[in-house]
């Protein structure tokens, strides 16, 4: 599912909200999740899962074309851990 499909489904289920309002709400939720993760925080949605940030240490990699060693710097990556309810629904 892509963002526009999510907006469409929510708009269909909530006829009292306009498509534009739903789009703003979905964008606001995603922006808050992004801002919280950028600040090093954690976002937990009960029954769905938790978003957090993990740090990957720097390492030495190889250029697949030339085989040369390449330094890969440390970086932060988003991490998602599924909630219990979501796991149960997926494994029914």
N, C-alpha and C. Protein backbone atom coordinates (compact mmCIF):
# COMPACT_ATOMS: atom_id res chain seq x y z
N UNK A 1 0.85 -1.18 0.00
CA UNK A 1 0.00 0.00 0.00
C UNK A 1 0.90 1.24 0.00
N UNK A 2 0.54 2.20 -0.79
CA UNK A 2 1.29 3.46 -0.82
C UNK A 2 0.47 4.53 -0.09
N UNK A 3 1.10 5.66 0.16
CA UNK A 3 0.48 6.72 0.96
C UNK A 3 -0.88 7.15 0.40
N UNK A 4 -0.95 7.33 -0.91
CA UNK A 4 -2.22 7.79 -1.51
C UNK A 4 -3.32 6.75 -1.33
N UNK A 5 -2.98 5.46 -1.36
CA UNK A 5 -3.99 4.42 -1.12
C UNK A 5 -4.45 4.44 0.33
N UNK A 6 -3.52 4.68 1.25
CA UNK A 6 -3.87 4.79 2.67
C UNK A 6 -4.83 5.96 2.88
N UNK A 7 -4.51 7.10 2.29
CA UNK A 7 -5.37 8.29 2.40
C UNK A 7 -6.76 7.98 1.84
N UNK A 8 -6.81 7.32 0.71
CA UNK A 8 -8.09 6.98 0.07
C UNK A 8 -8.93 6.08 0.97
N UNK A 9 -8.32 5.03 1.55
CA UNK A 9 -9.07 4.11 2.42
C UNK A 9 -9.60 4.81 3.66
N UNK A 10 -8.78 5.67 4.27
CA UNK A 10 -9.22 6.39 5.46
C UNK A 10 -10.35 7.36 5.11
N UNK A 11 -10.24 8.03 3.97
CA UNK A 11 -11.28 8.96 3.53
C UNK A 11 -12.60 8.23 3.28
N UNK A 12 -12.52 7.03 2.72
CA UNK A 12 -13.74 6.24 2.46
C UNK A 12 -14.43 5.84 3.76
N UNK A 13 -13.64 5.50 4.77
CA UNK A 13 -14.21 5.04 6.05
C UNK A 13 -14.66 6.19 6.94
N UNK A 14 -14.22 7.40 6.63
CA UNK A 14 -14.58 8.59 7.42
C UNK A 14 -15.15 9.65 6.50
N UNK A 15 -16.40 9.47 6.10
CA UNK A 15 -17.02 10.35 5.11
C UNK A 15 -17.17 11.80 5.62
N UNK A 16 -17.09 12.01 6.93
CA UNK A 16 -17.20 13.36 7.47
C UNK A 16 -15.92 14.18 7.28
N UNK A 17 -14.84 13.51 6.86
CA UNK A 17 -13.57 14.21 6.59
C UNK A 17 -13.35 14.30 5.08
N UNK A 18 -12.85 15.43 4.64
CA UNK A 18 -12.55 15.57 3.21
C UNK A 18 -11.24 14.85 2.90
N UNK A 19 -11.05 14.56 1.63
CA UNK A 19 -9.83 13.89 1.18
C UNK A 19 -8.60 14.71 1.56
N UNK A 20 -8.69 16.00 1.41
CA UNK A 20 -7.57 16.90 1.74
C UNK A 20 -7.25 16.88 3.23
N UNK A 21 -8.29 16.83 4.08
CA UNK A 21 -8.08 16.77 5.53
C UNK A 21 -7.39 15.47 5.94
N UNK A 22 -7.83 14.37 5.33
CA UNK A 22 -7.21 13.07 5.62
C UNK A 22 -5.75 13.07 5.18
N UNK A 23 -5.49 13.65 4.02
CA UNK A 23 -4.12 13.73 3.51
C UNK A 23 -3.23 14.53 4.47
N UNK A 24 -3.76 15.63 5.00
CA UNK A 24 -3.01 16.43 5.98
C UNK A 24 -2.77 15.66 7.27
N UNK A 25 -3.77 14.92 7.72
CA UNK A 25 -3.63 14.12 8.94
C UNK A 25 -2.56 13.03 8.79
N UNK A 26 -2.60 12.31 7.68
CA UNK A 26 -1.62 11.25 7.43
C UNK A 26 -0.21 11.86 7.34
N UNK A 27 -0.09 12.96 6.64
CA UNK A 27 1.22 13.64 6.54
C UNK A 27 1.71 14.11 7.90
N UNK A 28 0.81 14.63 8.72
CA UNK A 28 1.18 15.10 10.06
C UNK A 28 1.67 13.93 10.92
N UNK A 29 1.01 12.79 10.82
CA UNK A 29 1.43 11.62 11.59
C UNK A 29 2.82 11.17 11.15
N UNK A 30 3.03 11.06 9.85
CA UNK A 30 4.34 10.65 9.34
C UNK A 30 5.42 11.66 9.71
N UNK A 31 5.10 12.95 9.65
CA UNK A 31 6.07 13.99 10.02
C UNK A 31 6.46 13.87 11.49
N UNK A 32 5.48 13.61 12.36
CA UNK A 32 5.78 13.47 13.79
C UNK A 32 6.63 12.25 14.07
N UNK A 33 6.35 11.15 13.39
CA UNK A 33 7.17 9.94 13.55
C UNK A 33 8.60 10.25 13.09
N UNK A 34 8.74 10.89 11.95
CA UNK A 34 10.05 11.24 11.41
C UNK A 34 10.80 12.18 12.35
N UNK A 35 10.12 13.21 12.85
CA UNK A 35 10.76 14.17 13.75
C UNK A 35 11.21 13.51 15.05
N UNK A 36 10.39 12.62 15.58
CA UNK A 36 10.73 11.93 16.82
C UNK A 36 11.94 11.03 16.62
N UNK A 37 11.97 10.29 15.51
CA UNK A 37 13.10 9.43 15.23
C UNK A 37 14.37 10.24 14.97
N UNK A 38 14.23 11.37 14.29
CA UNK A 38 15.39 12.24 14.02
C UNK A 38 16.00 12.77 15.30
N UNK A 39 15.16 12.97 16.31
CA UNK A 39 15.63 13.48 17.59
C UNK A 39 16.16 12.35 18.49
N UNK A 40 16.18 11.13 17.96
CA UNK A 40 16.69 10.00 18.72
C UNK A 40 15.65 9.31 19.58
N UNK A 41 14.38 9.66 19.39
CA UNK A 41 13.30 9.08 20.18
C UNK A 41 12.78 7.77 19.62
N UNK A 42 11.71 7.30 20.23
CA UNK A 42 11.08 6.04 19.88
C UNK A 42 9.58 6.29 19.75
N UNK A 43 8.95 5.65 18.76
CA UNK A 43 7.51 5.79 18.56
C UNK A 43 6.88 4.41 18.68
N UNK A 44 5.94 4.27 19.61
CA UNK A 44 5.28 2.99 19.82
C UNK A 44 3.79 3.14 19.54
N UNK A 45 3.29 2.26 18.68
CA UNK A 45 1.86 2.21 18.35
C UNK A 45 1.36 0.86 18.86
N UNK A 46 0.68 0.87 19.99
CA UNK A 46 0.24 -0.37 20.65
C UNK A 46 -0.50 -1.28 19.68
N UNK A 47 -0.12 -2.54 19.68
CA UNK A 47 -0.75 -3.53 18.82
C UNK A 47 -0.19 -3.55 17.41
N UNK A 48 0.52 -2.51 17.01
CA UNK A 48 1.08 -2.44 15.67
C UNK A 48 2.58 -2.67 15.70
N UNK A 49 3.30 -1.84 16.47
CA UNK A 49 4.74 -2.00 16.56
C UNK A 49 5.42 -0.75 17.06
N UNK A 50 6.74 -0.80 17.07
CA UNK A 50 7.53 0.32 17.57
C UNK A 50 8.63 0.68 16.57
N UNK A 51 8.77 1.97 16.33
CA UNK A 51 9.83 2.50 15.48
C UNK A 51 10.93 3.03 16.38
N UNK A 52 12.17 2.74 16.05
CA UNK A 52 13.30 3.29 16.80
C UNK A 52 14.46 3.49 15.82
N UNK A 53 15.56 4.00 16.34
CA UNK A 53 16.74 4.24 15.52
C UNK A 53 17.87 3.37 16.05
N UNK A 54 18.53 2.67 15.14
CA UNK A 54 19.68 1.85 15.50
C UNK A 54 20.91 2.44 14.80
N UNK A 55 22.02 2.32 15.46
CA UNK A 55 23.27 2.83 14.90
C UNK A 55 24.05 1.66 14.30
N UNK A 56 24.48 1.81 13.05
CA UNK A 56 25.33 0.81 12.40
C UNK A 56 26.76 1.33 12.44
N UNK A 57 27.67 0.55 12.98
CA UNK A 57 29.06 1.01 13.05
C UNK A 57 29.70 1.08 11.67
N UNK A 58 30.76 1.87 11.56
CA UNK A 58 31.49 1.95 10.31
C UNK A 58 32.17 0.62 10.02
N UNK A 59 32.45 0.38 8.75
CA UNK A 59 33.09 -0.88 8.37
C UNK A 59 33.81 -0.70 7.06
N UNK A 60 34.54 -1.72 6.68
CA UNK A 60 35.23 -1.70 5.39
C UNK A 60 34.44 -2.60 4.45
N UNK A 61 34.02 -2.04 3.33
CA UNK A 61 33.29 -2.80 2.32
C UNK A 61 34.13 -2.93 1.06
N UNK A 62 33.56 -3.51 0.05
CA UNK A 62 34.26 -3.65 -1.23
C UNK A 62 33.38 -3.12 -2.37
N UNK A 63 34.02 -2.42 -3.28
CA UNK A 63 33.34 -1.99 -4.49
C UNK A 63 33.14 -3.23 -5.34
N UNK A 64 31.90 -3.62 -5.66
CA UNK A 64 31.67 -4.87 -6.40
C UNK A 64 32.24 -4.85 -7.82
N UNK A 65 32.37 -3.68 -8.39
CA UNK A 65 32.87 -3.58 -9.75
C UNK A 65 34.38 -3.75 -9.81
N UNK A 66 35.10 -3.08 -8.89
CA UNK A 66 36.56 -3.09 -8.94
C UNK A 66 37.20 -3.99 -7.88
N UNK A 67 36.47 -4.34 -6.85
CA UNK A 67 37.02 -5.14 -5.76
C UNK A 67 37.83 -4.33 -4.77
N UNK A 68 37.91 -3.01 -4.98
CA UNK A 68 38.66 -2.13 -4.09
C UNK A 68 37.98 -2.00 -2.74
N UNK A 69 38.79 -1.84 -1.68
CA UNK A 69 38.23 -1.62 -0.35
C UNK A 69 37.67 -0.20 -0.27
N UNK A 70 36.52 -0.08 0.41
CA UNK A 70 35.85 1.20 0.56
C UNK A 70 35.45 1.36 2.02
N UNK A 71 35.76 2.53 2.60
CA UNK A 71 35.35 2.82 3.97
C UNK A 71 33.87 3.20 3.98
N UNK A 72 33.10 2.52 4.79
CA UNK A 72 31.69 2.84 4.95
C UNK A 72 31.54 3.44 6.34
N UNK A 73 31.05 4.67 6.39
CA UNK A 73 30.98 5.37 7.67
C UNK A 73 29.81 4.88 8.53
N UNK A 74 29.88 5.20 9.80
CA UNK A 74 28.81 4.87 10.74
C UNK A 74 27.55 5.61 10.32
N UNK A 75 26.39 4.96 10.51
CA UNK A 75 25.14 5.63 10.17
C UNK A 75 24.01 5.14 11.06
N UNK A 76 22.99 5.97 11.15
CA UNK A 76 21.78 5.62 11.89
C UNK A 76 20.73 5.17 10.89
N UNK A 77 20.02 4.10 11.26
CA UNK A 77 18.99 3.56 10.37
C UNK A 77 17.69 3.35 11.16
N UNK A 78 16.54 3.51 10.51
CA UNK A 78 15.28 3.26 11.20
C UNK A 78 15.10 1.76 11.41
N UNK A 79 14.45 1.42 12.52
CA UNK A 79 14.22 0.02 12.86
C UNK A 79 12.77 -0.11 13.29
N UNK A 80 12.11 -1.18 12.85
CA UNK A 80 10.72 -1.41 13.21
C UNK A 80 10.59 -2.79 13.84
N UNK A 81 9.97 -2.85 15.00
CA UNK A 81 9.70 -4.12 15.67
C UNK A 81 8.19 -4.28 15.74
N UNK A 82 7.69 -5.38 15.20
CA UNK A 82 6.25 -5.60 15.16
C UNK A 82 5.69 -5.84 16.56
N UNK A 83 4.46 -5.40 16.75
CA UNK A 83 3.76 -5.61 18.01
C UNK A 83 3.15 -7.00 18.06
N UNK A 84 2.77 -7.40 19.24
CA UNK A 84 2.21 -8.74 19.46
C UNK A 84 0.95 -8.97 18.64
N UNK A 85 0.03 -8.00 18.65
CA UNK A 85 -1.23 -8.15 17.91
C UNK A 85 -0.99 -8.30 16.41
N UNK A 86 -0.09 -7.49 15.85
CA UNK A 86 0.22 -7.57 14.43
C UNK A 86 0.82 -8.93 14.09
N UNK A 87 1.73 -9.42 14.91
CA UNK A 87 2.33 -10.74 14.68
C UNK A 87 1.27 -11.83 14.68
N UNK A 88 0.36 -11.75 15.65
CA UNK A 88 -0.70 -12.76 15.73
C UNK A 88 -1.60 -12.72 14.52
N UNK A 89 -1.94 -11.52 14.05
CA UNK A 89 -2.82 -11.42 12.87
C UNK A 89 -2.14 -11.93 11.61
N UNK A 90 -0.84 -11.70 11.49
CA UNK A 90 -0.10 -12.15 10.32
C UNK A 90 0.08 -13.67 10.31
N UNK A 91 0.12 -14.27 11.48
CA UNK A 91 0.39 -15.71 11.58
C UNK A 91 -0.85 -16.54 11.90
N UNK A 92 -2.03 -16.02 11.63
CA UNK A 92 -3.28 -16.77 11.86
C UNK A 92 -3.36 -17.96 10.93
